[in-house]
C-alpha cells in the first residue's frame, strides 16, 4: 500500500471528497453490504427505499443511495463526482446479485449524464450498456440520450481546452495538446 498525493481544491476530508479508494476496496465493501456485515437486512431495506417528499410524491433517493426501477428490475446506485477531476459509479442489481463498480480519473462517469439531477441511471452510457448486456441480456444500444450526453460532454471538453495564441498580433484558436 502506498499513499499517493492528489490534487483536491477543497482540501479536507469529507464524505463527498478526500477519501481515496480502489475498485478492490469497493468490491470488498459491496460484498460486506451483501452479507449484511454493516446493517441488518431491515435497515438495509430502509436505506434502499425511495423517500417521500412533503407533497407525497416519491423521490429517486433513499438514505444515501438512489433507487430506481429499470424495465422491471430494481436498481440501487450511487455516484461520485468532482468536476474536471474524478468520478465514480456503483450500481447494484440485488435480484441478480450483480454490482458494477467504476472509478475514473476524470468526471466522465457522471458529468455527461446529469445523473444526480435526473435520478436516472439509464442516462449513463456505461450503466445502460451494463444493464443491457448483463441484466437484460439484450444487445440493444443505449439510445440517443446517452449518446447525446457523451457528444455534449466531449464538445464541452474541446471548448474548455481551447487556448488563444497570438502570432504577429493576430489571435489564433488552438486546441491544447
Protein backbone atom coordinates (compact mmCIF):
# COMPACT_ATOMS: atom_id res chain seq x y z
CA UNK A 1 0.00 0.00 0.00
CA UNK A 2 1.18 3.46 -0.85
CA UNK A 3 -0.04 6.97 -0.12
CA UNK A 4 -0.25 8.92 -3.36
CA UNK A 5 -0.71 12.70 -3.12
CA UNK A 6 -3.55 14.02 -5.24
CA UNK A 7 -4.89 17.43 -6.14
CA UNK A 8 -8.08 18.37 -4.32
CA UNK A 9 -9.15 22.01 -4.48
CA UNK A 10 -11.44 21.75 -1.44
CA UNK A 11 -8.88 20.24 0.93
CA UNK A 12 -10.04 18.34 3.90
CA UNK A 13 -11.78 15.07 4.48
CA UNK A 14 -15.47 14.63 3.95
CA UNK A 15 -17.98 12.16 2.54
CA UNK A 16 -18.02 13.85 -0.86
CA UNK A 17 -14.27 14.09 -1.34
CA UNK A 18 -10.97 13.45 0.30
CA UNK A 19 -11.46 9.70 0.59
CA UNK A 20 -9.46 7.72 -1.93
CA UNK A 21 -10.31 4.10 -2.64
CA UNK A 22 -9.77 1.40 -5.22
CA UNK A 23 -12.08 -0.91 -7.12
CA UNK A 24 -10.83 -3.76 -4.93
CA UNK A 25 -11.73 -1.85 -1.74
CA UNK A 26 -15.17 -1.05 -3.08
CA UNK A 27 -15.70 -4.65 -4.15
CA UNK A 28 -14.96 -5.71 -0.57
CA UNK A 29 -17.41 -3.07 0.67
CA UNK A 30 -20.02 -4.41 -1.75
CA UNK A 31 -19.56 -7.98 -0.51
CA UNK A 32 -19.89 -6.77 3.10
CA UNK A 33 -23.14 -4.99 2.18
CA UNK A 34 -24.50 -8.11 0.54
CA UNK A 35 -23.57 -10.22 3.57
CA UNK A 36 -25.25 -7.72 5.94
CA UNK A 37 -21.99 -7.13 7.80
CA UNK A 38 -22.77 -3.43 8.30
CA UNK A 39 -26.52 -3.33 8.63
CA UNK A 40 -29.39 -5.61 9.47
CA UNK A 41 -31.44 -6.60 6.40
CA UNK A 42 -34.33 -4.41 7.64
CA UNK A 43 -32.05 -1.37 7.95
CA UNK A 44 -30.59 -2.01 4.51
CA UNK A 45 -34.07 -2.23 3.04
CA UNK A 46 -34.98 1.09 4.65
CA UNK A 47 -31.78 2.63 3.27
CA UNK A 48 -32.73 1.39 -0.21
CA UNK A 49 -36.33 2.59 -0.13
CA UNK A 50 -37.21 5.77 -2.02
CA UNK A 51 -38.07 8.69 0.25
CA UNK A 52 -41.32 10.64 0.04
CA UNK A 53 -41.47 14.40 -0.50
CA UNK A 54 -43.69 16.62 1.64
CA UNK A 55 -46.33 16.52 -1.10
CA UNK A 56 -46.33 12.70 -1.00
CA UNK A 57 -44.51 12.19 -4.30
CA UNK A 58 -41.77 9.57 -4.48
CA UNK A 59 -38.19 10.83 -4.68
CA UNK A 60 -35.44 8.92 -6.53
CA UNK A 61 -33.27 8.83 -3.40
CA UNK A 62 -33.29 6.66 -0.30
CA UNK A 63 -30.80 7.05 2.54
CA UNK A 64 -27.53 7.75 0.71
CA UNK A 65 -28.45 5.73 -2.39
CA UNK A 66 -30.51 6.32 -5.50
CA UNK A 67 -33.22 3.71 -6.01
CA UNK A 68 -34.81 3.09 -9.36
CA UNK A 69 -36.84 0.60 -11.36
CA UNK A 70 -35.42 -0.08 -14.82
CA UNK A 71 -37.55 -2.25 -17.10
CA UNK A 72 -38.91 -4.11 -14.09
CA UNK A 73 -35.55 -4.54 -12.35
CA UNK A 74 -34.77 -2.79 -9.06
CA UNK A 75 -31.52 -0.80 -9.14
CA UNK A 76 -29.56 0.72 -6.27
CA UNK A 77 -26.83 3.17 -7.21
CA UNK A 78 -24.59 6.00 -6.12
CA UNK A 79 -22.14 8.17 -7.97
CA UNK A 80 -19.28 10.43 -7.03
CA UNK A 81 -18.28 13.50 -8.96
CA UNK A 82 -15.68 16.23 -8.57
CA UNK A 83 -15.89 18.44 -11.69
CA UNK A 84 -12.91 18.17 -14.02
CA UNK A 85 -11.16 15.73 -11.66
CA UNK A 86 -12.74 12.44 -10.59
CA UNK A 87 -15.92 10.41 -10.82
CA UNK A 88 -17.26 7.06 -9.71
CA UNK A 89 -20.29 4.86 -10.12
CA UNK A 90 -21.57 1.94 -8.07
CA UNK A 91 -24.63 0.19 -9.48
CA UNK A 92 -26.20 -2.74 -7.64
CA UNK A 93 -28.78 -5.12 -9.09
CA UNK A 94 -29.88 -7.04 -5.98
CA UNK A 95 -32.17 -9.54 -7.75
CA UNK A 96 -29.27 -10.68 -9.96
CA UNK A 97 -26.53 -10.38 -7.31
CA UNK A 98 -24.59 -8.10 -9.66
CA UNK A 99 -22.67 -4.92 -8.97
CA UNK A 100 -20.90 -2.59 -11.39
CA UNK A 101 -18.09 -0.50 -9.86
CA UNK A 102 -16.38 2.16 -11.96
CA UNK A 103 -13.74 4.72 -10.95
CA UNK A 104 -12.26 7.36 -13.25
CA UNK A 105 -9.53 9.97 -13.11
CA UNK A 106 -11.91 12.32 -14.92
CA UNK A 107 -15.50 13.43 -14.44
CA UNK A 108 -16.60 11.35 -17.46
CA UNK A 109 -18.60 8.78 -15.47
CA UNK A 110 -21.01 11.42 -14.18
CA UNK A 111 -20.68 14.78 -15.87
CA UNK A 112 -22.12 13.93 -19.31
CA UNK A 113 -25.24 12.26 -17.94
CA UNK A 114 -26.62 14.63 -15.24
CA UNK A 115 -27.27 11.59 -13.04
CA UNK A 116 -27.97 13.34 -9.75
CA UNK A 117 -30.19 15.93 -11.42
CA UNK A 118 -32.40 13.32 -13.04
CA UNK A 119 -32.05 10.37 -10.67
CA UNK A 120 -31.99 8.17 -13.77
CA UNK A 121 -29.03 5.81 -14.08
CA UNK A 122 -30.14 4.68 -17.54
CA UNK A 123 -28.86 8.04 -18.86
CA UNK A 124 -25.33 6.78 -18.24
CA UNK A 125 -23.94 5.03 -21.30
CA UNK A 126 -21.80 2.86 -19.01
CA UNK A 127 -24.69 1.78 -16.79
CA UNK A 128 -27.04 1.34 -19.73
CA UNK A 129 -24.60 -0.92 -21.54
CA UNK A 130 -24.01 -2.97 -18.35
CA UNK A 131 -27.75 -3.31 -17.79
CA UNK A 132 -28.46 -4.30 -21.37
CA UNK A 133 -25.64 -6.85 -21.57
CA UNK A 134 -25.63 -8.42 -18.11
CA UNK A 135 -29.05 -7.81 -16.61
CA UNK A 136 -31.48 -7.81 -19.54
CA UNK A 137 -29.27 -9.92 -21.84
CA UNK A 138 -30.02 -7.61 -24.75
CA UNK A 139 -27.60 -6.28 -27.31
CA UNK A 140 -29.61 -3.11 -27.82
CA UNK A 141 -27.84 0.21 -27.91
CA UNK A 142 -28.21 2.69 -25.11
CA UNK A 143 -30.22 5.16 -27.08
CA UNK A 144 -29.99 8.76 -28.06
CA UNK A 145 -30.00 10.23 -24.54
CA UNK A 146 -26.71 8.62 -23.53
CA UNK A 147 -25.10 9.19 -26.92
CA UNK A 148 -26.14 12.85 -26.98
CA UNK A 149 -24.84 13.32 -23.43
CA UNK A 150 -21.45 11.95 -24.42
CA UNK A 151 -21.32 14.17 -27.52
CA UNK A 152 -22.17 17.26 -25.45
CA UNK A 153 -19.56 16.38 -22.83
CA UNK A 154 -16.87 15.92 -25.47
CA UNK A 155 -17.81 19.23 -27.11
CA UNK A 156 -17.55 20.95 -23.72
CA UNK A 157 -14.10 19.41 -23.20
CA UNK A 158 -12.97 20.71 -26.56
CA UNK A 159 -14.31 24.19 -25.82
CA UNK A 160 -12.61 24.31 -22.40
CA UNK A 161 -9.30 23.14 -23.85
CA UNK A 162 -9.09 25.91 -26.44
CA UNK A 163 -6.24 28.37 -25.96
CA UNK A 164 -5.71 31.71 -27.59
CA UNK A 165 -2.39 32.04 -29.33
CA UNK A 166 -1.18 35.32 -30.79
CA UNK A 167 1.01 35.23 -33.86
CA UNK A 168 2.15 38.52 -35.42
CA UNK A 169 -0.59 40.34 -33.50
CA UNK A 170 -3.33 38.03 -34.79
CA UNK A 171 -5.28 35.79 -32.42
CA UNK A 172 -5.48 32.15 -33.45
CA UNK A 173 -7.52 29.48 -31.63
CA UNK A 174 -5.72 26.22 -30.99
CA UNK A 175 -6.56 23.10 -29.06
CA UNK A 176 -4.42 22.29 -26.08
CA UNK A 177 -2.42 19.15 -26.70
